[in-house]
N, C-alpha and C. Protein backbone atom coordinates (compact mmCIF):
# COMPACT_ATOMS: atom_id res chain seq x y z
N UNK A 1 -13.75 -0.29 -10.45
CA UNK A 1 -13.10 -0.70 -9.27
C UNK A 1 -14.09 -1.87 -8.49
N UNK A 2 -13.38 -3.01 -8.06
CA UNK A 2 -14.25 -3.99 -7.21
C UNK A 2 -13.25 -4.00 -6.11
N UNK A 3 -13.71 -4.23 -4.97
CA UNK A 3 -13.25 -4.40 -3.62
C UNK A 3 -13.81 -5.57 -2.90
N UNK A 4 -12.89 -6.29 -2.49
CA UNK A 4 -13.18 -7.68 -1.60
C UNK A 4 -12.80 -7.54 -0.40
N UNK A 5 -13.39 -7.54 0.54
CA UNK A 5 -13.27 -7.55 1.78
C UNK A 5 -13.30 -8.77 2.64
N UNK A 6 -12.56 -9.59 3.50
CA UNK A 6 -12.32 -10.45 4.04
C UNK A 6 -11.88 -10.44 5.26
N UNK A 7 -12.00 -11.24 6.26
CA UNK A 7 -10.97 -11.68 7.46
C UNK A 7 -12.14 -11.13 8.47
N UNK A 8 -13.55 -11.14 8.50
CA UNK A 8 -14.06 -10.88 9.44
C UNK A 8 -14.51 -12.32 10.34
N UNK A 9 -15.15 -12.28 11.18
CA UNK A 9 -15.58 -13.46 12.14
C UNK A 9 -15.93 -13.32 13.65
N UNK A 10 -16.14 -14.25 14.46
CA UNK A 10 -16.42 -14.04 15.70
C UNK A 10 -15.09 -14.23 16.50
N UNK A 11 -15.07 -13.22 17.68
CA UNK A 11 -13.52 -13.37 18.35
C UNK A 11 -14.24 -12.88 19.70
N UNK A 12 -13.47 -13.65 21.04
CA UNK A 12 -13.65 -13.09 21.85
C UNK A 12 -13.29 -11.89 22.28
N UNK A 13 -13.81 -10.93 23.33
CA UNK A 13 -13.12 -9.80 23.94
C UNK A 13 -11.87 -9.89 24.10
N UNK A 14 -11.15 -8.82 23.62
CA UNK A 14 -9.55 -8.79 23.90
C UNK A 14 -8.78 -9.36 22.66
N UNK A 15 -9.88 -10.37 21.84
CA UNK A 15 -9.00 -10.72 20.72
C UNK A 15 -8.69 -9.74 19.64
N UNK A 16 -8.30 -10.51 18.61
CA UNK A 16 -7.61 -9.78 17.42
C UNK A 16 -8.08 -10.43 16.31
N UNK A 17 -8.16 -9.46 15.32
CA UNK A 17 -8.44 -10.06 13.93
C UNK A 17 -7.95 -8.89 12.71
N UNK A 18 -7.62 -9.48 11.71
CA UNK A 18 -6.89 -8.80 10.48
C UNK A 18 -7.88 -8.79 9.52
N UNK A 19 -8.43 -7.52 8.96
CA UNK A 19 -9.22 -7.48 7.98
C UNK A 19 -8.27 -7.21 6.67
N UNK A 20 -8.60 -7.66 5.26
CA UNK A 20 -7.94 -7.84 4.08
C UNK A 20 -8.96 -6.94 3.01
N UNK A 21 -8.84 -6.02 2.27
CA UNK A 21 -9.25 -5.26 1.31
C UNK A 21 -8.81 -5.52 -0.06
N UNK A 22 -8.84 -6.48 -0.83
CA UNK A 22 -8.32 -6.53 -2.14
C UNK A 22 -8.86 -5.68 -3.15
N UNK A 23 -8.48 -4.83 -3.90
CA UNK A 23 -8.86 -4.01 -5.12
C UNK A 23 -8.30 -4.76 -6.16
N UNK A 24 -9.41 -4.30 -7.47
CA UNK A 24 -9.13 -4.84 -8.73
C UNK A 24 -9.64 -3.71 -9.43
N UNK A 25 -9.47 -3.97 -10.97
CA UNK A 25 -9.85 -2.77 -11.56
C UNK A 25 -9.05 -1.82 -11.88
N UNK A 26 -9.79 -0.59 -12.26
CA UNK A 26 -8.96 0.72 -12.31
C UNK A 26 -8.78 1.24 -11.47
N UNK A 27 -8.27 1.01 -10.27
CA UNK A 27 -7.96 1.71 -8.99
C UNK A 27 -7.18 2.90 -9.28
N UNK A 28 -7.21 3.95 -8.37
CA UNK A 28 -6.52 5.18 -8.39
C UNK A 28 -5.29 4.77 -7.52
N UNK A 29 -5.67 4.43 -6.57
CA UNK A 29 -4.32 4.19 -5.42
C UNK A 29 -4.97 3.46 -4.13
N UNK A 30 -4.14 2.47 -3.68
CA UNK A 30 -4.54 2.17 -2.27
C UNK A 30 -4.57 3.13 -1.34
N UNK A 31 -3.70 4.01 -1.52
CA UNK A 31 -3.79 5.19 -0.59
C UNK A 31 -5.11 5.87 -0.36
N UNK A 32 -5.92 5.72 -1.22
CA UNK A 32 -7.13 6.50 -1.33
C UNK A 32 -8.40 5.51 -0.60
N UNK A 33 -7.81 4.37 -0.24
CA UNK A 33 -8.91 3.36 0.47
C UNK A 33 -9.22 3.57 1.86
N UNK A 34 -10.05 3.44 2.09
CA UNK A 34 -10.41 3.72 3.61
C UNK A 34 -11.28 2.62 4.18
N UNK A 35 -11.22 2.53 5.67
CA UNK A 35 -12.21 1.41 6.22
C UNK A 35 -13.22 1.97 7.09
N UNK A 36 -14.56 1.75 7.02
CA UNK A 36 -15.74 2.29 7.77
C UNK A 36 -16.18 1.02 8.32
N UNK A 37 -17.04 1.34 9.08
CA UNK A 37 -17.82 0.23 9.91
C UNK A 37 -19.47 0.75 10.10
N UNK A 38 -20.35 -0.14 10.35
CA UNK A 38 -21.62 0.07 10.75
C UNK A 38 -22.42 -0.76 11.69
N UNK A 39 -22.14 -0.34 13.00
CA UNK A 39 -22.73 -1.19 14.09
C UNK A 39 -24.08 -1.40 14.20
N UNK A 40 -25.00 -2.61 14.62
CA UNK A 40 -26.46 -2.50 14.63
C UNK A 40 -26.74 -1.14 15.37
N UNK A 41 -27.87 -0.55 14.21
CA UNK A 41 -28.91 0.53 14.69
C UNK A 41 -27.95 1.68 14.64
N UNK A 42 -26.82 1.89 14.22
CA UNK A 42 -26.19 2.77 14.20
C UNK A 42 -25.67 3.38 12.89
N UNK A 43 -25.35 4.80 12.48
CA UNK A 43 -24.74 5.13 11.22
C UNK A 43 -23.44 4.44 10.66
N UNK A 44 -23.23 4.31 9.59
CA UNK A 44 -21.88 4.10 9.09
C UNK A 44 -20.85 5.11 9.61
N UNK A 45 -19.50 4.66 10.19
CA UNK A 45 -18.67 5.72 10.50
C UNK A 45 -17.41 5.27 9.94
N UNK A 46 -16.47 6.32 9.85
CA UNK A 46 -15.29 6.45 9.26
C UNK A 46 -14.56 5.58 10.36
N UNK A 47 -13.64 4.66 10.25
CA UNK A 47 -12.71 4.25 11.05
C UNK A 47 -11.29 4.77 10.86
N UNK A 48 -10.93 4.49 9.73
CA UNK A 48 -9.27 4.87 9.54
C UNK A 48 -9.27 5.32 7.70
N UNK A 49 -8.12 5.88 7.62
CA UNK A 49 -8.04 6.21 6.35
C UNK A 49 -6.70 6.74 6.37
N UNK A 50 -6.03 6.67 5.34
CA UNK A 50 -4.45 7.13 4.93
C UNK A 50 -4.43 8.52 4.61
N UNK A 51 -3.24 9.38 4.97
CA UNK A 51 -3.36 10.84 4.69
C UNK A 51 -1.78 10.74 4.23
N UNK A 52 -1.68 10.09 3.14
CA UNK A 52 -0.49 10.68 2.38
C UNK A 52 0.84 10.00 3.19
N UNK A 53 1.69 10.81 3.41
CA UNK A 53 2.77 10.78 4.29
C UNK A 53 2.44 10.70 5.57
N UNK A 54 1.47 11.34 6.18
CA UNK A 54 1.09 11.42 7.60
C UNK A 54 0.86 10.41 7.94
N UNK A 55 0.65 10.42 9.31
CA UNK A 55 -0.02 9.34 10.12
C UNK A 55 -1.73 9.41 9.97
N UNK A 56 -2.07 8.01 9.69
CA UNK A 56 -3.42 7.75 9.35
C UNK A 56 -4.36 8.41 10.37
N UNK A 57 -5.38 8.41 9.87
CA UNK A 57 -6.65 9.16 10.66
C UNK A 57 -7.19 8.07 11.55
N UNK A 58 -7.46 7.90 12.69
CA UNK A 58 -8.39 7.12 13.34
C UNK A 58 -9.38 7.41 14.16
N UNK A 59 -10.61 6.90 14.24
CA UNK A 59 -11.71 7.44 14.84
C UNK A 59 -11.28 7.23 16.47
N UNK A 60 -11.80 8.08 17.25
CA UNK A 60 -11.06 8.19 18.78
C UNK A 60 -11.28 6.55 19.29
N UNK A 61 -12.40 6.21 19.12
CA UNK A 61 -12.75 4.55 19.74
C UNK A 61 -11.70 3.55 19.51
N UNK A 62 -10.93 3.72 18.18
CA UNK A 62 -10.01 2.54 18.04
C UNK A 62 -8.26 2.98 18.14
N UNK A 63 -8.20 4.32 18.37
CA UNK A 63 -6.89 4.49 18.57
C UNK A 63 -6.16 3.98 19.33
N UNK A 64 -5.01 3.11 19.07
CA UNK A 64 -4.03 2.67 20.18
C UNK A 64 -4.33 1.45 19.65
N UNK A 65 -5.46 0.65 19.13
CA UNK A 65 -5.72 -0.69 18.94
C UNK A 65 -6.08 -1.28 17.48
N UNK A 66 -6.10 -0.27 16.66
CA UNK A 66 -6.54 -0.63 15.26
C UNK A 66 -5.39 -0.04 14.65
N UNK A 67 -4.87 -0.56 13.46
CA UNK A 67 -3.81 -0.38 12.33
C UNK A 67 -4.00 -0.44 11.18
N UNK A 68 -4.11 0.48 10.06
CA UNK A 68 -4.15 0.52 8.86
C UNK A 68 -2.92 0.53 8.15
N UNK A 69 -2.84 -0.54 7.06
CA UNK A 69 -1.83 -0.89 6.26
C UNK A 69 -1.88 -1.07 5.03
N UNK A 70 -0.91 -1.24 4.28
CA UNK A 70 -1.24 -1.41 2.67
C UNK A 70 -0.20 -1.97 2.19
N UNK A 71 -0.33 -3.22 1.10
CA UNK A 71 0.37 -3.55 0.05
C UNK A 71 0.29 -2.95 -1.13
N UNK A 72 1.31 -2.08 -1.82
CA UNK A 72 0.59 -1.59 -2.82
C UNK A 72 0.79 -2.50 -4.00
N UNK A 73 1.64 -3.44 -3.95
CA UNK A 73 1.99 -4.39 -5.22
C UNK A 73 0.87 -5.16 -5.34
N UNK A 74 0.32 -5.49 -4.13
CA UNK A 74 -1.09 -6.71 -4.40
C UNK A 74 -2.28 -5.66 -4.20
N UNK A 75 -2.39 -4.42 -4.09
CA UNK A 75 -3.74 -3.53 -4.36
C UNK A 75 -4.45 -3.92 -3.04
N UNK A 76 -3.72 -4.18 -1.98
CA UNK A 76 -4.64 -4.97 -0.74
C UNK A 76 -4.41 -3.70 0.20
N UNK A 77 -5.34 -3.38 1.14
CA UNK A 77 -5.47 -2.56 2.29
C UNK A 77 -5.86 -3.66 3.47
N UNK A 78 -5.27 -3.48 4.80
CA UNK A 78 -5.38 -4.37 5.75
C UNK A 78 -5.92 -3.48 6.86
N UNK A 79 -6.72 -3.95 8.05
CA UNK A 79 -7.05 -3.42 9.19
C UNK A 79 -6.56 -4.42 10.29
N UNK A 80 -5.65 -4.10 10.85
CA UNK A 80 -5.34 -4.85 12.19
C UNK A 80 -6.03 -4.19 13.22
N UNK A 81 -6.93 -5.36 13.91
CA UNK A 81 -7.87 -4.69 14.92
C UNK A 81 -7.24 -5.73 16.29
N UNK A 82 -6.71 -5.23 17.42
CA UNK A 82 -6.62 -5.94 18.56
C UNK A 82 -7.15 -5.04 19.48
N UNK A 83 -6.90 -6.05 20.80
CA UNK A 83 -7.95 -5.93 22.13
C UNK A 83 -9.37 -5.31 21.47
N UNK A 84 -10.02 -5.92 21.10
CA UNK A 84 -11.40 -6.23 20.58
C UNK A 84 -12.28 -6.16 21.86
N UNK A 85 -13.29 -4.90 21.39
CA UNK A 85 -14.64 -5.05 22.56
C UNK A 85 -15.84 -5.09 21.92
N UNK A 86 -16.85 -5.37 22.58
CA UNK A 86 -18.01 -5.62 21.99
C UNK A 86 -18.68 -4.37 21.06
N UNK A 87 -18.01 -3.09 21.51
CA UNK A 87 -18.48 -2.02 20.56
C UNK A 87 -17.82 -2.08 19.36
N UNK A 88 -16.82 -2.98 19.27
CA UNK A 88 -16.28 -3.24 17.77
C UNK A 88 -17.30 -3.84 16.94
N UNK A 89 -17.94 -4.51 17.31
CA UNK A 89 -19.16 -5.52 16.67
C UNK A 89 -19.91 -4.60 15.57
N UNK A 90 -19.44 -4.98 14.49
CA UNK A 90 -20.09 -4.17 13.44
C UNK A 90 -19.72 -4.81 11.86
N UNK A 91 -20.46 -4.32 10.85
CA UNK A 91 -19.99 -4.70 9.57
C UNK A 91 -18.72 -3.93 9.03
N UNK A 92 -17.88 -4.29 8.68
CA UNK A 92 -16.55 -3.58 8.50
C UNK A 92 -16.47 -3.35 6.58
N UNK A 93 -16.53 -2.31 6.24
CA UNK A 93 -16.46 -1.91 4.67
C UNK A 93 -15.18 -1.32 4.46
N UNK A 94 -14.86 -1.67 3.21
CA UNK A 94 -13.58 -0.78 2.72
C UNK A 94 -14.28 -0.02 1.55
N UNK A 95 -13.60 0.99 1.28
CA UNK A 95 -14.06 2.07 0.36
C UNK A 95 -12.90 2.73 -0.53
N UNK A 96 -13.20 2.91 -1.87
CA UNK A 96 -12.10 3.58 -2.71
C UNK A 96 -12.47 4.50 -3.12
N UNK A 97 -11.91 5.91 -2.85
CA UNK A 97 -12.27 7.07 -3.09
C UNK A 97 -11.58 7.37 -4.08
N UNK A 98 -11.93 7.06 -5.32
CA UNK A 98 -11.23 7.70 -6.68
C UNK A 98 -12.31 8.71 -7.19
N UNK A 99 -12.27 8.68 -8.57
CA UNK A 99 -13.31 9.69 -9.05
C UNK A 99 -14.46 9.65 -8.81
N UNK A 100 -14.73 8.43 -8.28
CA UNK A 100 -16.29 8.44 -7.53
C UNK A 100 -15.93 7.35 -6.35
N UNK A 101 -16.71 7.02 -5.58
CA UNK A 101 -16.42 6.20 -4.45
C UNK A 101 -17.23 4.84 -4.75
N UNK A 102 -16.12 3.74 -4.32
CA UNK A 102 -16.68 2.26 -4.69
C UNK A 102 -16.50 1.74 -3.31
N UNK A 103 -17.72 1.12 -2.93
CA UNK A 103 -17.76 0.30 -1.62
C UNK A 103 -17.70 -1.25 -1.84
N UNK A 104 -16.99 -1.79 -0.58
CA UNK A 104 -17.02 -3.26 -0.70
C UNK A 104 -18.42 -3.62 -0.20
N UNK A 105 -18.49 -5.21 0.15
CA UNK A 105 -19.47 -5.50 0.36
C UNK A 105 -19.81 -5.75 1.78
N UNK A 106 -18.65 -5.24 2.61
CA UNK A 106 -18.63 -5.52 3.96
C UNK A 106 -18.34 -6.99 4.54
N UNK A 107 -17.39 -7.10 5.79
CA UNK A 107 -17.40 -8.08 6.32
C UNK A 107 -17.54 -8.05 8.02
N UNK A 108 -18.36 -9.22 8.22
CA UNK A 108 -18.88 -9.05 9.77
C UNK A 108 -17.83 -9.23 10.88
N UNK A 109 -17.63 -8.28 11.74
CA UNK A 109 -16.94 -8.38 12.96
C UNK A 109 -17.83 -8.70 14.18
N UNK A 110 -17.84 -9.84 14.68
CA UNK A 110 -18.67 -10.08 16.09
C UNK A 110 -17.66 -10.22 17.07
N UNK A 111 -18.02 -9.45 18.33
CA UNK A 111 -16.92 -9.43 19.42
C UNK A 111 -17.98 -10.07 20.51
N UNK A 112 -17.46 -11.22 21.14
CA UNK A 112 -18.45 -11.82 22.26
C UNK A 112 -17.72 -11.69 23.57
N UNK A 113 -18.43 -11.33 24.53
CA UNK A 113 -17.89 -11.21 25.82
C UNK A 113 -17.69 -12.43 26.51
């Protein structure tokens, strides 16, 4: 499995970005893909993941602002991020939880005030 994340960049507070993560190779399903992030000096944290037919999980700090979605035909997962704050500044990673865990290289999101 190979994962390619993109869409990061510099945005002002209150702005929006959409991250994409394209999977290739022997993927299990885009439904097992997740978004993580790691802010400077902090541990990597789970941002969101799918839960089958149920509402996806979101870390409390992004609820109501971030939305995960997928295009199974394209083996791509998206993360729509709205109303960004400086607390969202981090490297964002996508991960595929198949028989083993595969991590993408990460894409940097910087939110400036």
